[in-house]
Amino acid sequence: MPIPGRVPLALLDALAAGLGLGYLARDHRDALISHGPVLSIAAVVGIAVIAVAYRGYRVLRRTNTRMEALIADELSRRTPSPRPRR
């Protein structure tokens, strides 16, 4: 059951972020034009870092799930001891 109001709020947040970035870009136009190549490279490197971090997180999560399945399988195979522990 979707919660009404989440999508419009997300769109409002995106609009506010876009307006803020637009204002900053207009205000610092000279710095953006003079340092355009550096900003472009930084953006590409930033996106690459985010992509690598996301892939690493997914690999670790998948490995954790596999390890839990292996441990559960090993524990289910054990036979109970014939005498109780003290």
PDB file of N, CA and C in Angstrom:
ATOM      1  N   MET A   1       0.838  -1.174   0.000  1.00  0.00           N
ATOM      2  CA  MET A   1       0.000   0.000   0.000  1.00  0.00           C
ATOM      3  C   MET A   1       0.887   1.243   0.000  1.00  0.00           C
ATOM      4  N   PRO A   2       0.880   1.998  -1.085  1.00  0.00           N
ATOM      5  CA  PRO A   2       1.750   3.177  -1.149  1.00  0.00           C
ATOM      6  C   PRO A   2       1.280   4.277  -0.202  1.00  0.00           C
ATOM      7  N   ILE A   3       2.237   5.002   0.273  1.00  0.00           N
ATOM      8  CA  ILE A   3       1.937   6.124   1.156  1.00  0.00           C
ATOM      9  C   ILE A   3       1.804   7.383   0.306  1.00  0.00           C
ATOM     10  N   PRO A   4       0.630   7.997   0.285  1.00  0.00           N
ATOM     11  CA  PRO A   4       0.492   9.207  -0.535  1.00  0.00           C
ATOM     12  C   PRO A   4       1.308  10.350   0.062  1.00  0.00           C
ATOM     13  N   GLY A   5       1.921  11.110  -0.792  1.00  0.00           N
ATOM     14  CA  GLY A   5       2.672  12.268  -0.321  1.00  0.00           C
ATOM     15  C   GLY A   5       4.172  12.084  -0.374  1.00  0.00           C
ATOM     16  N   ARG A   6       4.642  10.851  -0.545  1.00  0.00           N
ATOM     17  CA  ARG A   6       6.083  10.634  -0.609  1.00  0.00           C
ATOM     18  C   ARG A   6       6.667  11.104  -1.929  1.00  0.00           C
ATOM     19  N   VAL A   7       6.019  10.784  -3.015  1.00  0.00           N
ATOM     20  CA  VAL A   7       6.538  11.166  -4.328  1.00  0.00           C
ATOM     21  C   VAL A   7       6.551  12.676  -4.493  1.00  0.00           C
ATOM     22  N   PRO A   8       5.463  13.399  -4.177  1.00  0.00           N
ATOM     23  CA  PRO A   8       5.525  14.856  -4.314  1.00  0.00           C
ATOM     24  C   PRO A   8       6.595  15.485  -3.414  1.00  0.00           C
ATOM     25  N   LEU A   9       6.817  14.912  -2.235  1.00  0.00           N
ATOM     26  CA  LEU A   9       7.849  15.456  -1.359  1.00  0.00           C
ATOM     27  C   LEU A   9       9.229  15.238  -1.956  1.00  0.00           C
ATOM     28  N   ALA A  10       9.449  14.071  -2.561  1.00  0.00           N
ATOM     29  CA  ALA A  10      10.734  13.808  -3.212  1.00  0.00           C
ATOM     30  C   ALA A  10      10.936  14.748  -4.395  1.00  0.00           C
ATOM     31  N   LEU A  11       9.880  14.991  -5.146  1.00  0.00           N
ATOM     32  CA  LEU A  11       9.990  15.921  -6.264  1.00  0.00           C
ATOM     33  C   LEU A  11      10.261  17.348  -5.779  1.00  0.00           C
ATOM     34  N   LEU A  12       9.653  17.714  -4.672  1.00  0.00           N
ATOM     35  CA  LEU A  12       9.902  19.036  -4.106  1.00  0.00           C
ATOM     36  C   LEU A  12      11.347  19.164  -3.631  1.00  0.00           C
ATOM     37  N   ASP A  13      11.880  18.108  -3.034  1.00  0.00           N
ATOM     38  CA  ASP A  13      13.285  18.119  -2.624  1.00  0.00           C
ATOM     39  C   ASP A  13      14.209  18.245  -3.833  1.00  0.00           C
ATOM     40  N   ALA A  14      13.920  17.500  -4.902  1.00  0.00           N
ATOM     41  CA  ALA A  14      14.742  17.574  -6.110  1.00  0.00           C
ATOM     42  C   ALA A  14      14.670  18.963  -6.732  1.00  0.00           C
ATOM     43  N   LEU A  15      13.491  19.555  -6.717  1.00  0.00           N
ATOM     44  CA  LEU A  15      13.340  20.908  -7.254  1.00  0.00           C
ATOM     45  C   LEU A  15      14.141  21.910  -6.422  1.00  0.00           C
ATOM     46  N   ALA A  16      14.073  21.795  -5.106  1.00  0.00           N
ATOM     47  CA  ALA A  16      14.828  22.710  -4.241  1.00  0.00           C
ATOM     48  C   ALA A  16      16.330  22.544  -4.448  1.00  0.00           C
ATOM     49  N   ALA A  17      16.787  21.295  -4.584  1.00  0.00           N
ATOM     50  CA  ALA A  17      18.218  21.064  -4.826  1.00  0.00           C
ATOM     51  C   ALA A  17      18.631  21.638  -6.169  1.00  0.00           C
ATOM     52  N   GLY A  18      17.806  21.459  -7.191  1.00  0.00           N
ATOM     53  CA  GLY A  18      18.118  22.014  -8.511  1.00  0.00           C
ATOM     54  C   GLY A  18      18.159  23.532  -8.503  1.00  0.00           C
ATOM     55  N   LEU A  19      17.216  24.140  -7.814  1.00  0.00           N
ATOM     56  CA  LEU A  19      17.221  25.596  -7.723  1.00  0.00           C
ATOM     57  C   LEU A  19      18.458  26.103  -6.974  1.00  0.00           C
ATOM     58  N   GLY A  20      18.815  25.423  -5.912  1.00  0.00           N
ATOM     59  CA  GLY A  20      20.006  25.822  -5.155  1.00  0.00           C
ATOM     60  C   GLY A  20      21.273  25.698  -5.979  1.00  0.00           C
ATOM     61  N   LEU A  21      21.400  24.572  -6.700  1.00  0.00           N
ATOM     62  CA  LEU A  21      22.578  24.397  -7.557  1.00  0.00           C
ATOM     63  C   LEU A  21      22.595  25.411  -8.692  1.00  0.00           C
ATOM     64  N   GLY A  22      21.438  25.716  -9.242  1.00  0.00           N
ATOM     65  CA  GLY A  22      21.368  26.728 -10.293  1.00  0.00           C
ATOM     66  C   GLY A  22      21.801  28.099  -9.796  1.00  0.00           C
ATOM     67  N   TYR A  23      21.366  28.454  -8.589  1.00  0.00           N
ATOM     68  CA  TYR A  23      21.761  29.742  -8.009  1.00  0.00           C
ATOM     69  C   TYR A  23      23.269  29.786  -7.786  1.00  0.00           C
ATOM     70  N   LEU A  24      23.830  28.678  -7.229  1.00  0.00           N
ATOM     71  CA  LEU A  24      25.276  28.651  -6.994  1.00  0.00           C
ATOM     72  C   LEU A  24      26.050  28.710  -8.311  1.00  0.00           C
ATOM     73  N   ALA A  25      25.557  28.018  -9.346  1.00  0.00           N
ATOM     74  CA  ALA A  25      26.242  28.045 -10.641  1.00  0.00           C
ATOM     75  C   ALA A  25      26.202  29.447 -11.251  1.00  0.00           C
ATOM     76  N   ARG A  26      25.094  30.135 -11.125  1.00  0.00           N
ATOM     77  CA  ARG A  26      25.001  31.489 -11.665  1.00  0.00           C
ATOM     78  C   ARG A  26      25.878  32.449 -10.877  1.00  0.00           C
ATOM     79  N   ASP A  27      25.905  32.256  -9.563  1.00  0.00           N
ATOM     80  CA  ASP A  27      26.676  33.143  -8.697  1.00  0.00           C
ATOM     81  C   ASP A  27      28.181  32.971  -8.913  1.00  0.00           C
ATOM     82  N   HIS A  28      28.615  31.725  -9.181  1.00  0.00           N
ATOM     83  CA  HIS A  28      30.054  31.442  -9.336  1.00  0.00           C
ATOM     84  C   HIS A  28      30.371  31.037 -10.771  1.00  0.00           C
ATOM     85  N   ARG A  29      29.768  31.731 -11.731  1.00  0.00           N
ATOM     86  CA  ARG A  29      29.927  31.391 -13.139  1.00  0.00           C
ATOM     87  C   ARG A  29      31.379  31.479 -13.598  1.00  0.00           C
ATOM     88  N   ASP A  30      32.087  32.506 -13.188  1.00  0.00           N
ATOM     89  CA  ASP A  30      33.480  32.679 -13.632  1.00  0.00           C
ATOM     90  C   ASP A  30      34.365  31.537 -13.147  1.00  0.00           C
ATOM     91  N   ALA A  31      34.182  31.126 -11.894  1.00  0.00           N
ATOM     92  CA  ALA A  31      34.993  30.021 -11.375  1.00  0.00           C
ATOM     93  C   ALA A  31      34.664  28.718 -12.083  1.00  0.00           C
ATOM     94  N   LEU A  32      33.406  28.508 -12.415  1.00  0.00           N
ATOM     95  CA  LEU A  32      33.019  27.279 -13.108  1.00  0.00           C
ATOM     96  C   LEU A  32      33.587  27.232 -14.523  1.00  0.00           C
ATOM     97  N   ILE A  33      33.590  28.363 -15.199  1.00  0.00           N
ATOM     98  CA  ILE A  33      34.106  28.404 -16.568  1.00  0.00           C
ATOM     99  C   ILE A  33      35.615  28.225 -16.577  1.00  0.00           C
ATOM    100  N   SER A  34      36.311  28.870 -15.650  1.00  0.00           N
ATOM    101  CA  SER A  34      37.775  28.781 -15.647  1.00  0.00           C
ATOM    102  C   SER A  34      38.274  27.426 -15.153  1.00  0.00           C
ATOM    103  N   HIS A  35      37.497  26.725 -14.345  1.00  0.00           N
ATOM    104  CA  HIS A  35      37.932  25.433 -13.816  1.00  0.00           C
ATOM    105  C   HIS A  35      37.052  24.291 -14.316  1.00  0.00           C
ATOM    106  N   GLY A  36      36.502  24.417 -15.502  1.00  0.00           N
ATOM    107  CA  GLY A  36      35.598  23.418 -16.060  1.00  0.00           C
ATOM    108  C   GLY A  36      36.203  22.031 -16.199  1.00  0.00           C
ATOM    109  N   PRO A  37      37.406  21.906 -16.813  1.00  0.00           N
ATOM    110  CA  PRO A  37      37.985  20.565 -16.952  1.00  0.00           C
ATOM    111  C   PRO A  37      38.254  19.886 -15.609  1.00  0.00           C
ATOM    112  N   VAL A  38      38.707  20.637 -14.642  1.00  0.00           N
ATOM    113  CA  VAL A  38      38.984  20.055 -13.323  1.00  0.00           C
ATOM    114  C   VAL A  38      37.687  19.577 -12.673  1.00  0.00           C
ATOM    115  N   LEU A  39      36.635  20.361 -12.790  1.00  0.00           N
ATOM    116  CA  LEU A  39      35.348  19.962 -12.219  1.00  0.00           C
ATOM    117  C   LEU A  39      34.784  18.733 -12.934  1.00  0.00           C
ATOM    118  N   SER A  40      34.983  18.653 -14.255  1.00  0.00           N
ATOM    119  CA  SER A  40      34.500  17.496 -15.005  1.00  0.00           C
ATOM    120  C   SER A  40      35.218  16.226 -14.573  1.00  0.00           C
ATOM    121  N   ILE A  41      36.521  16.296 -14.434  1.00  0.00           N
ATOM    122  CA  ILE A  41      37.291  15.131 -13.990  1.00  0.00           C
ATOM    123  C   ILE A  41      36.897  14.748 -12.571  1.00  0.00           C
ATOM    124  N   ALA A  42      36.708  15.733 -11.716  1.00  0.00           N
ATOM    125  CA  ALA A  42      36.303  15.444 -10.329  1.00  0.00           C
ATOM    126  C   ALA A  42      34.928  14.784 -10.299  1.00  0.00           C
ATOM    127  N   ALA A  43      34.022  15.215 -11.165  1.00  0.00           N
ATOM    128  CA  ALA A  43      32.694  14.599 -11.212  1.00  0.00           C
ATOM    129  C   ALA A  43      32.782  13.149 -11.675  1.00  0.00           C
ATOM    130  N   VAL A  44      33.592  12.877 -12.687  1.00  0.00           N
ATOM    131  CA  VAL A  44      33.750  11.504 -13.180  1.00  0.00           C
ATOM    132  C   VAL A  44      34.377  10.619 -12.098  1.00  0.00           C
ATOM    133  N   VAL A  45      35.401  11.128 -11.429  1.00  0.00           N
ATOM    134  CA  VAL A  45      36.039  10.354 -10.361  1.00  0.00           C
ATOM    135  C   VAL A  45      35.056  10.127  -9.216  1.00  0.00           C
ATOM    136  N   GLY A  46      34.279  11.125  -8.855  1.00  0.00           N
ATOM    137  CA  GLY A  46      33.288  10.970  -7.789  1.00  0.00           C
ATOM    138  C   GLY A  46      32.241   9.921  -8.122  1.00  0.00           C
ATOM    139  N   ILE A  47      31.757   9.932  -9.355  1.00  0.00           N
ATOM    140  CA  ILE A  47      30.776   8.927  -9.775  1.00  0.00           C
ATOM    141  C   ILE A  47      31.402   7.533  -9.762  1.00  0.00           C
ATOM    142  N   ALA A  48      32.667   7.432 -10.190  1.00  0.00           N
ATOM    143  CA  ALA A  48      33.350   6.133 -10.179  1.00  0.00           C
ATOM    144  C   ALA A  48      33.517   5.611  -8.752  1.00  0.00           C
ATOM    145  N   VAL A  49      33.865   6.495  -7.824  1.00  0.00           N
ATOM    146  CA  VAL A  49      34.019   6.086  -6.431  1.00  0.00           C
ATOM    147  C   VAL A  49      32.686   5.592  -5.865  1.00  0.00           C
ATOM    148  N   ILE A  50      31.621   6.286  -6.173  1.00  0.00           N
ATOM    149  CA  ILE A  50      30.302   5.864  -5.695  1.00  0.00           C
ATOM    150  C   ILE A  50      29.929   4.512  -6.295  1.00  0.00           C
ATOM    151  N   ALA A  51      30.199   4.306  -7.589  1.00  0.00           N
ATOM    152  CA  ALA A  51      29.864   3.042  -8.242  1.00  0.00           C
ATOM    153  C   ALA A  51      30.669   1.892  -7.647  1.00  0.00           C
ATOM    154  N   VAL A  52      31.964   2.104  -7.414  1.00  0.00           N
ATOM    155  CA  VAL A  52      32.804   1.053  -6.833  1.00  0.00           C
ATOM    156  C   VAL A  52      32.362   0.738  -5.404  1.00  0.00           C
ATOM    157  N   ALA A  53      32.039   1.753  -4.636  1.00  0.00           N
ATOM    158  CA  ALA A  53      31.586   1.523  -3.261  1.00  0.00           C
ATOM    159  C   ALA A  53      30.271   0.747  -3.246  1.00  0.00           C
ATOM    160  N   TYR A  54      29.374   1.062  -4.151  1.00  0.00           N
ATOM    161  CA  TYR A  54      28.093   0.356  -4.221  1.00  0.00           C
ATOM    162  C   TYR A  54      28.295  -1.106  -4.605  1.00  0.00           C
ATOM    163  N   ARG A  55      29.159  -1.347  -5.606  1.00  0.00           N
ATOM    164  CA  ARG A  55      29.439  -2.732  -6.002  1.00  0.00           C
ATOM    165  C   ARG A  55      30.100  -3.495  -4.859  1.00  0.00           C
ATOM    166  N   GLY A  56      31.011  -2.866  -4.147  1.00  0.00           N
ATOM    167  CA  GLY A  56      31.649  -3.524  -3.009  1.00  0.00           C
ATOM    168  C   GLY A  56      30.647  -3.875  -1.935  1.00  0.00           C
ATOM    169  N   TYR A  57      29.727  -2.976  -1.673  1.00  0.00           N
ATOM    170  CA  TYR A  57      28.687  -3.244  -0.684  1.00  0.00           C
ATOM    171  C   TYR A  57      27.835  -4.434  -1.100  1.00  0.00           C
ATOM    172  N   ARG A  58      27.467  -4.489  -2.376  1.00  0.00           N
ATOM    173  CA  ARG A  58      26.641  -5.607  -2.854  1.00  0.00           C
ATOM    174  C   ARG A  58      27.383  -6.928  -2.769  1.00  0.00           C
ATOM    175  N   VAL A  59      28.674  -6.924  -3.108  1.00  0.00           N
ATOM    176  CA  VAL A  59      29.466  -8.157  -3.032  1.00  0.00           C
ATOM    177  C   VAL A  59      29.579  -8.624  -1.587  1.00  0.00           C
ATOM    178  N   LEU A  60      29.839  -7.703  -0.678  1.00  0.00           N
ATOM    179  CA  LEU A  60      29.948  -8.086   0.733  1.00  0.00           C
ATOM    180  C   LEU A  60      28.622  -8.597   1.277  1.00  0.00           C
ATOM    181  N   ARG A  61      27.526  -7.980   0.870  1.00  0.00           N
ATOM    182  CA  ARG A  61      26.215  -8.431   1.330  1.00  0.00           C
ATOM    183  C   ARG A  61      25.886  -9.823   0.793  1.00  0.00           C
ATOM    184  N   ARG A  62      26.215 -10.070  -0.478  1.00  0.00           N
ATOM    185  CA  ARG A  62      25.971 -11.385  -1.070  1.00  0.00           C
ATOM    186  C   ARG A  62      26.846 -12.445  -0.406  1.00  0.00           C
ATOM    187  N   THR A  63      28.098 -12.106  -0.124  1.00  0.00           N
ATOM    188  CA  THR A  63      28.997 -13.036   0.552  1.00  0.00           C
ATOM    189  C   THR A  63      28.494 -13.346   1.953  1.00  0.00           C
ATOM    190  N   ASN A  64      28.002 -12.351   2.656  1.00  0.00           N
ATOM    191  CA  ASN A  64      27.463 -12.566   3.998  1.00  0.00           C
ATOM    192  C   ASN A  64      26.270 -13.516   3.956  1.00  0.00           C
ATOM    193  N   THR A  65      25.412 -13.352   2.962  1.00  0.00           N
ATOM    194  CA  THR A  65      24.251 -14.230   2.833  1.00  0.00           C
ATOM    195  C   THR A  65      24.689 -15.665   2.568  1.00  0.00           C
ATOM    196  N   ARG A  66      25.695 -15.838   1.723  1.00  0.00           N
ATOM    197  CA  ARG A  66      26.197 -17.186   1.429  1.00  0.00           C
ATOM    198  C   ARG A  66      26.825 -17.816   2.670  1.00  0.00           C
ATOM    199  N   MET A  67      27.584 -17.020   3.406  1.00  0.00           N
ATOM    200  CA  MET A  67      28.218 -17.552   4.618  1.00  0.00           C
ATOM    201  C   MET A  67      27.165 -17.968   5.641  1.00  0.00           C
ATOM    202  N   GLU A  68      26.126 -17.179   5.789  1.00  0.00           N
ATOM    203  CA  GLU A  68      25.060 -17.539   6.716  1.00  0.00           C
ATOM    204  C   GLU A  68      24.373 -18.827   6.286  1.00  0.00           C
ATOM    205  N   ALA A  69      24.191 -19.008   4.975  1.00  0.00           N
ATOM    206  CA  ALA A  69      23.563 -20.240   4.483  1.00  0.00           C
ATOM    207  C   ALA A  69      24.466 -21.446   4.746  1.00  0.00           C
ATOM    208  N   LEU A  70      25.772 -21.286   4.536  1.00  0.00           N
ATOM    209  CA  LEU A  70      26.706 -22.386   4.810  1.00  0.00           C
ATOM    210  C   LEU A  70      26.723 -22.750   6.286  1.00  0.00           C
ATOM    211  N   ILE A  71      26.757 -21.769   7.144  1.00  0.00           N
ATOM    212  CA  ILE A  71      26.782 -22.022   8.584  1.00  0.00           C
ATOM    213  C   ILE A  71      25.484 -22.684   9.032  1.00  0.00           C
ATOM    214  N   ALA A  72      24.361 -22.213   8.528  1.00  0.00           N
ATOM    215  CA  ALA A  72      23.074 -22.823   8.889  1.00  0.00           C
ATOM    216  C   ALA A  72      23.012 -24.265   8.405  1.00  0.00           C
ATOM    217  N   ASP A  73      23.558 -24.532   7.218  1.00  0.00           N
ATOM    218  CA  ASP A  73      23.567 -25.902   6.697  1.00  0.00           C
ATOM    219  C   ASP A  73      24.446 -26.803   7.552  1.00  0.00           C
ATOM    220  N   GLU A  74      25.610 -26.309   7.943  1.00  0.00           N
ATOM    221  CA  GLU A  74      26.506 -27.105   8.785  1.00  0.00           C
ATOM    222  C   GLU A  74      25.897 -27.369  10.153  1.00  0.00           C
ATOM    223  N   LEU A  75      25.254 -26.377  10.722  1.00  0.00           N
ATOM    224  CA  LEU A  75      24.658 -26.564  12.044  1.00  0.00           C
ATOM    225  C   LEU A  75      23.457 -27.501  11.998  1.00  0.00           C
ATOM    226  N   SER A  76      22.733 -27.532  10.886  1.00  0.00           N
ATOM    227  CA  SER A  76      21.577 -28.418  10.796  1.00  0.00           C
ATOM    228  C   SER A  76      21.996 -29.875  10.642  1.00  0.00           C
ATOM    229  N   ARG A  77      23.209 -30.130  10.157  1.00  0.00           N
ATOM    230  CA  ARG A  77      23.700 -31.505   9.992  1.00  0.00           C
ATOM    231  C   ARG A  77      24.171 -32.130  11.295  1.00  0.00           C
ATOM    232  N   ARG A  78      24.496 -31.342  12.259  1.00  0.00           N
ATOM    233  CA  ARG A  78      25.013 -31.872  13.533  1.00  0.00           C
ATOM    234  C   ARG A  78      23.964 -32.710  14.223  1.00  0.00           C
ATOM    235  N   THR A  79      24.420 -33.804  14.788  1.00  0.00           N
ATOM    236  CA  THR A  79      23.514 -34.616  15.589  1.00  0.00           C
ATOM    237  C   THR A  79      23.624 -34.165  17.043  1.00  0.00           C
ATOM    238  N   PRO A  80      22.552 -34.167  17.749  1.00  0.00           N
ATOM    239  CA  PRO A  80      22.643 -33.745  19.145  1.00  0.00           C
ATOM    240  C   PRO A  80      23.462 -34.727  19.971  1.00  0.00           C
ATOM    241  N   SER A  81      24.137 -34.208  20.974  1.00  0.00           N
ATOM    242  CA  SER A  81      24.964 -35.092  21.814  1.00  0.00           C
ATOM    243  C   SER A  81      24.065 -35.998  22.647  1.00  0.00           C
ATOM    244  N   PRO A  82      24.531 -37.240  22.932  1.00  0.00           N
ATOM    245  CA  PRO A  82      23.684 -38.185  23.655  1.00  0.00           C
ATOM    246  C   PRO A  82      23.453 -37.801  25.125  1.00  0.00           C
ATOM    247  N   ARG A  83      24.360 -37.062  25.704  1.00  0.00           N
ATOM    248  CA  ARG A  83      24.161 -36.670  27.102  1.00  0.00           C
ATOM    249  C   ARG A  83      24.089 -35.143  27.194  1.00  0.00           C
ATOM    250  N   PRO A  84      23.266 -34.643  28.070  1.00  0.00           N
ATOM    251  CA  PRO A  84      23.135 -33.179  28.185  1.00  0.00           C
ATOM    252  C   PRO A  84      24.385 -32.556  28.781  1.00  0.00           C
ATOM    253  N   ARG A  85      24.613 -31.306  28.446  1.00  0.00           N
ATOM    254  CA  ARG A  85      25.757 -30.571  28.996  1.00  0.00           C
ATOM    255  C   ARG A  85      25.402 -29.979  30.334  1.00  0.00           C
ATOM    256  N   ARG A  86      26.413 -29.786  31.134  1.00  0.00           N
ATOM    257  CA  ARG A  86      26.172 -29.200  32.466  1.00  0.00           C
ATOM    258  C   ARG A  86      26.420 -27.731  32.467  1.00  0.00           C
TER     259      ARG A  86
END
